Amino acid sequence: MKRRADLVTCAGCALSAAGATATPLLWLSASRTRRHLGGGFENEGMDPTVLLTELPFVVLGGAFLPLLVLTVLVRLVGRRRSRTD
C-alpha cells in the first residue's frame, strides 16, 4: 500500500509541475493576452498589469486543478476497490 501511495504522490507532483508550466504558455498564446501585452495595433488596449493580476491565478489554477482531478480519481478508484474486496 505504501508503494501505491508513493506513486500517487509522485504523479500528483508531476501533474502539478506540468500544469503550472503549461497553463501560462496557453495563457500567453491567447489573443486577448497578446493584445494586453502589446500585440494590438499601435499598442491599443495594452495593459501590462495583467502580469500582476491574472498570471498568478493562471499559475495557481494550473498547479491545483490537476491535483484536484487526481485526488477525485484516486478516491473513486479507492471506493470501487473497497466495494469489491
N, C-alpha and C. Protein backbone atom coordinates (compact mmCIF):
# COMPACT_ATOMS: atom_id res chain seq x y z
N MET A 1 0.83 -1.20 0.00
CA MET A 1 0.00 0.00 0.00
C MET A 1 0.87 1.26 0.00
N LYS A 2 2.01 1.22 0.70
CA LYS A 2 2.89 2.38 0.75
C LYS A 2 3.44 2.70 -0.64
N ARG A 3 3.74 1.66 -1.40
CA ARG A 3 4.27 1.89 -2.75
C ARG A 3 3.24 2.60 -3.63
N ARG A 4 1.96 2.24 -3.49
CA ARG A 4 0.91 2.90 -4.26
C ARG A 4 0.78 4.36 -3.83
N ALA A 5 0.89 4.62 -2.54
CA ALA A 5 0.80 6.00 -2.06
C ALA A 5 1.97 6.82 -2.58
N ASP A 6 3.15 6.24 -2.62
CA ASP A 6 4.30 6.96 -3.16
C ASP A 6 4.11 7.26 -4.64
N LEU A 7 3.55 6.32 -5.37
CA LEU A 7 3.30 6.52 -6.79
C LEU A 7 2.28 7.63 -7.02
N VAL A 8 1.24 7.65 -6.24
CA VAL A 8 0.21 8.68 -6.37
C VAL A 8 0.79 10.05 -6.01
N THR A 9 1.63 10.10 -4.99
CA THR A 9 2.25 11.36 -4.60
C THR A 9 3.17 11.87 -5.70
N CYS A 10 3.95 10.98 -6.26
CA CYS A 10 4.85 11.36 -7.35
C CYS A 10 4.06 11.82 -8.57
N ALA A 11 2.99 11.13 -8.89
CA ALA A 11 2.16 11.51 -10.02
C ALA A 11 1.51 12.87 -9.78
N GLY A 12 1.09 13.13 -8.57
CA GLY A 12 0.49 14.42 -8.25
C GLY A 12 1.47 15.57 -8.40
N CYS A 13 2.70 15.35 -7.96
CA CYS A 13 3.73 16.38 -8.10
C CYS A 13 4.05 16.63 -9.57
N ALA A 14 4.14 15.56 -10.34
CA ALA A 14 4.43 15.70 -11.77
C ALA A 14 3.30 16.42 -12.50
N LEU A 15 2.06 16.08 -12.19
CA LEU A 15 0.92 16.76 -12.80
C LEU A 15 0.86 18.23 -12.42
N SER A 16 1.18 18.52 -11.17
CA SER A 16 1.18 19.90 -10.70
C SER A 16 2.24 20.72 -11.42
N ALA A 17 3.43 20.16 -11.56
CA ALA A 17 4.51 20.86 -12.26
C ALA A 17 4.16 21.06 -13.74
N ALA A 18 3.60 20.04 -14.36
CA ALA A 18 3.22 20.16 -15.77
C ALA A 18 2.11 21.20 -15.96
N GLY A 19 1.14 21.20 -15.05
CA GLY A 19 0.06 22.17 -15.15
C GLY A 19 0.53 23.59 -14.91
N ALA A 20 1.42 23.78 -13.94
CA ALA A 20 1.93 25.11 -13.64
C ALA A 20 2.82 25.63 -14.77
N THR A 21 3.37 24.74 -15.57
CA THR A 21 4.19 25.15 -16.71
C THR A 21 3.33 25.37 -17.96
N ALA A 22 2.37 24.51 -18.17
CA ALA A 22 1.58 24.57 -19.41
C ALA A 22 0.55 25.70 -19.41
N THR A 23 -0.08 25.96 -18.29
CA THR A 23 -1.14 26.97 -18.31
C THR A 23 -0.64 28.38 -18.63
N PRO A 24 0.52 28.83 -18.11
CA PRO A 24 0.97 30.16 -18.54
C PRO A 24 1.30 30.21 -20.04
N LEU A 25 1.80 29.11 -20.58
CA LEU A 25 2.08 29.09 -22.01
C LEU A 25 0.79 29.19 -22.82
N LEU A 26 -0.25 28.49 -22.38
CA LEU A 26 -1.55 28.61 -23.05
C LEU A 26 -2.13 30.00 -22.87
N TRP A 27 -1.97 30.55 -21.69
CA TRP A 27 -2.48 31.90 -21.40
C TRP A 27 -1.79 32.93 -22.28
N LEU A 28 -0.47 32.78 -22.46
CA LEU A 28 0.27 33.72 -23.29
C LEU A 28 -0.09 33.60 -24.77
N SER A 29 -0.56 32.44 -25.20
CA SER A 29 -0.90 32.26 -26.61
C SER A 29 -2.31 32.74 -26.94
N ALA A 30 -3.07 33.12 -25.95
CA ALA A 30 -4.43 33.60 -26.20
C ALA A 30 -4.38 35.00 -26.83
N SER A 31 -5.30 35.26 -27.74
CA SER A 31 -5.30 36.55 -28.44
C SER A 31 -5.55 37.71 -27.48
N ARG A 32 -6.38 37.50 -26.49
CA ARG A 32 -6.67 38.55 -25.52
C ARG A 32 -5.41 38.93 -24.74
N THR A 33 -4.63 37.95 -24.34
CA THR A 33 -3.41 38.21 -23.59
C THR A 33 -2.37 38.89 -24.47
N ARG A 34 -2.23 38.43 -25.70
CA ARG A 34 -1.28 39.07 -26.62
C ARG A 34 -1.64 40.53 -26.85
N ARG A 35 -2.92 40.82 -26.94
CA ARG A 35 -3.34 42.21 -27.13
C ARG A 35 -2.98 43.05 -25.92
N HIS A 36 -3.19 42.50 -24.72
CA HIS A 36 -2.87 43.25 -23.50
C HIS A 36 -1.38 43.44 -23.31
N LEU A 37 -0.58 42.57 -23.89
CA LEU A 37 0.87 42.68 -23.72
C LEU A 37 1.55 43.36 -24.91
N GLY A 38 0.79 44.07 -25.72
CA GLY A 38 1.38 44.87 -26.78
C GLY A 38 1.18 44.35 -28.17
N GLY A 39 0.32 43.37 -28.36
CA GLY A 39 0.09 42.83 -29.69
C GLY A 39 -0.97 43.57 -30.47
N GLY A 40 -1.59 44.58 -29.89
CA GLY A 40 -2.63 45.33 -30.58
C GLY A 40 -2.03 46.35 -31.53
N PHE A 41 -2.87 46.93 -32.37
CA PHE A 41 -2.42 47.94 -33.31
C PHE A 41 -1.96 49.18 -32.56
N GLU A 42 -0.70 49.56 -32.73
CA GLU A 42 -0.08 50.71 -32.07
C GLU A 42 -0.32 50.68 -30.56
N ASN A 43 -0.14 49.49 -29.98
CA ASN A 43 -0.29 49.27 -28.53
C ASN A 43 -1.69 49.61 -28.03
N GLU A 44 -2.67 49.53 -28.89
CA GLU A 44 -4.04 49.79 -28.49
C GLU A 44 -4.51 48.70 -27.52
N GLY A 45 -5.04 49.10 -26.42
CA GLY A 45 -5.52 48.17 -25.42
C GLY A 45 -4.42 47.53 -24.59
N MET A 46 -3.20 48.09 -24.64
CA MET A 46 -2.09 47.50 -23.88
C MET A 46 -2.32 47.71 -22.39
N ASP A 47 -2.20 46.62 -21.64
CA ASP A 47 -2.41 46.66 -20.20
C ASP A 47 -1.44 45.69 -19.52
N PRO A 48 -0.24 46.13 -19.18
CA PRO A 48 0.74 45.21 -18.59
C PRO A 48 0.40 44.77 -17.17
N THR A 49 -0.63 45.33 -16.57
CA THR A 49 -1.00 44.91 -15.22
C THR A 49 -1.58 43.50 -15.19
N VAL A 50 -1.89 42.95 -16.38
CA VAL A 50 -2.38 41.57 -16.40
C VAL A 50 -1.32 40.60 -15.88
N LEU A 51 -0.05 40.99 -15.98
CA LEU A 51 1.02 40.15 -15.44
C LEU A 51 0.93 40.04 -13.92
N LEU A 52 0.43 41.08 -13.28
CA LEU A 52 0.30 41.06 -11.82
C LEU A 52 -1.06 40.57 -11.35
N THR A 53 -2.07 40.73 -12.19
CA THR A 53 -3.42 40.36 -11.75
C THR A 53 -3.85 38.98 -12.21
N GLU A 54 -3.59 38.63 -13.46
CA GLU A 54 -4.07 37.36 -14.00
C GLU A 54 -3.05 36.24 -13.90
N LEU A 55 -1.79 36.54 -14.16
CA LEU A 55 -0.77 35.48 -14.23
C LEU A 55 -0.65 34.66 -12.95
N PRO A 56 -0.67 35.26 -11.75
CA PRO A 56 -0.61 34.40 -10.55
C PRO A 56 -1.78 33.43 -10.44
N PHE A 57 -2.97 33.87 -10.81
CA PHE A 57 -4.12 32.98 -10.75
C PHE A 57 -4.05 31.89 -11.80
N VAL A 58 -3.48 32.19 -12.95
CA VAL A 58 -3.31 31.19 -14.00
C VAL A 58 -2.35 30.11 -13.53
N VAL A 59 -1.24 30.50 -12.93
CA VAL A 59 -0.25 29.53 -12.45
C VAL A 59 -0.83 28.69 -11.31
N LEU A 60 -1.49 29.33 -10.37
CA LEU A 60 -2.09 28.57 -9.26
C LEU A 60 -3.18 27.62 -9.75
N GLY A 61 -4.00 28.09 -10.66
CA GLY A 61 -5.03 27.21 -11.22
C GLY A 61 -4.43 26.04 -11.97
N GLY A 62 -3.37 26.29 -12.70
CA GLY A 62 -2.71 25.22 -13.43
C GLY A 62 -2.03 24.22 -12.52
N ALA A 63 -1.61 24.66 -11.34
CA ALA A 63 -0.97 23.76 -10.40
C ALA A 63 -1.98 22.96 -9.60
N PHE A 64 -3.09 23.57 -9.23
CA PHE A 64 -4.04 22.91 -8.34
C PHE A 64 -5.14 22.12 -9.05
N LEU A 65 -5.50 22.50 -10.24
CA LEU A 65 -6.55 21.76 -10.95
C LEU A 65 -6.16 20.31 -11.25
N PRO A 66 -4.95 20.03 -11.73
CA PRO A 66 -4.58 18.61 -11.92
C PRO A 66 -4.55 17.83 -10.61
N LEU A 67 -4.13 18.47 -9.53
CA LEU A 67 -4.14 17.79 -8.23
C LEU A 67 -5.56 17.47 -7.77
N LEU A 68 -6.47 18.38 -8.02
CA LEU A 68 -7.87 18.14 -7.66
C LEU A 68 -8.44 16.97 -8.45
N VAL A 69 -8.17 16.94 -9.75
CA VAL A 69 -8.66 15.84 -10.59
C VAL A 69 -8.05 14.52 -10.15
N LEU A 70 -6.75 14.50 -9.86
CA LEU A 70 -6.09 13.28 -9.40
C LEU A 70 -6.67 12.81 -8.07
N THR A 71 -6.93 13.71 -7.17
CA THR A 71 -7.50 13.35 -5.87
C THR A 71 -8.88 12.72 -6.03
N VAL A 72 -9.70 13.30 -6.88
CA VAL A 72 -11.03 12.74 -7.12
C VAL A 72 -10.93 11.35 -7.75
N LEU A 73 -10.04 11.19 -8.71
CA LEU A 73 -9.88 9.88 -9.35
C LEU A 73 -9.39 8.82 -8.37
N VAL A 74 -8.43 9.18 -7.52
CA VAL A 74 -7.91 8.22 -6.54
C VAL A 74 -9.00 7.83 -5.55
N ARG A 75 -9.80 8.79 -5.14
CA ARG A 75 -10.90 8.48 -4.21
C ARG A 75 -11.94 7.56 -4.85
N LEU A 76 -12.27 7.83 -6.11
CA LEU A 76 -13.25 6.99 -6.80
C LEU A 76 -12.72 5.58 -7.00
N VAL A 77 -11.47 5.45 -7.38
CA VAL A 77 -10.88 4.12 -7.56
C VAL A 77 -10.78 3.40 -6.22
N GLY A 78 -10.46 4.13 -5.16
CA GLY A 78 -10.39 3.53 -3.83
C GLY A 78 -11.74 3.02 -3.36
N ARG A 79 -12.79 3.74 -3.64
CA ARG A 79 -14.14 3.30 -3.27
C ARG A 79 -14.54 2.06 -4.05
N ARG A 80 -14.20 2.06 -5.32
CA ARG A 80 -14.55 0.93 -6.17
C ARG A 80 -13.81 -0.33 -5.70
N ARG A 81 -12.56 -0.20 -5.32
CA ARG A 81 -11.80 -1.33 -4.84
C ARG A 81 -12.31 -1.84 -3.49
N SER A 82 -12.73 -0.90 -2.63
CA SER A 82 -13.22 -1.33 -1.30
C SER A 82 -14.56 -2.06 -1.43
N ARG A 83 -15.35 -1.74 -2.43
CA ARG A 83 -16.61 -2.44 -2.64
C ARG A 83 -16.39 -3.88 -3.11
N THR A 84 -15.38 -4.07 -3.94
CA THR A 84 -15.12 -5.40 -4.47
C THR A 84 -14.38 -6.30 -3.49
N ASP A 85 -13.69 -5.71 -2.52
CA ASP A 85 -12.95 -6.52 -1.53
C ASP A 85 -13.82 -7.13 -0.49
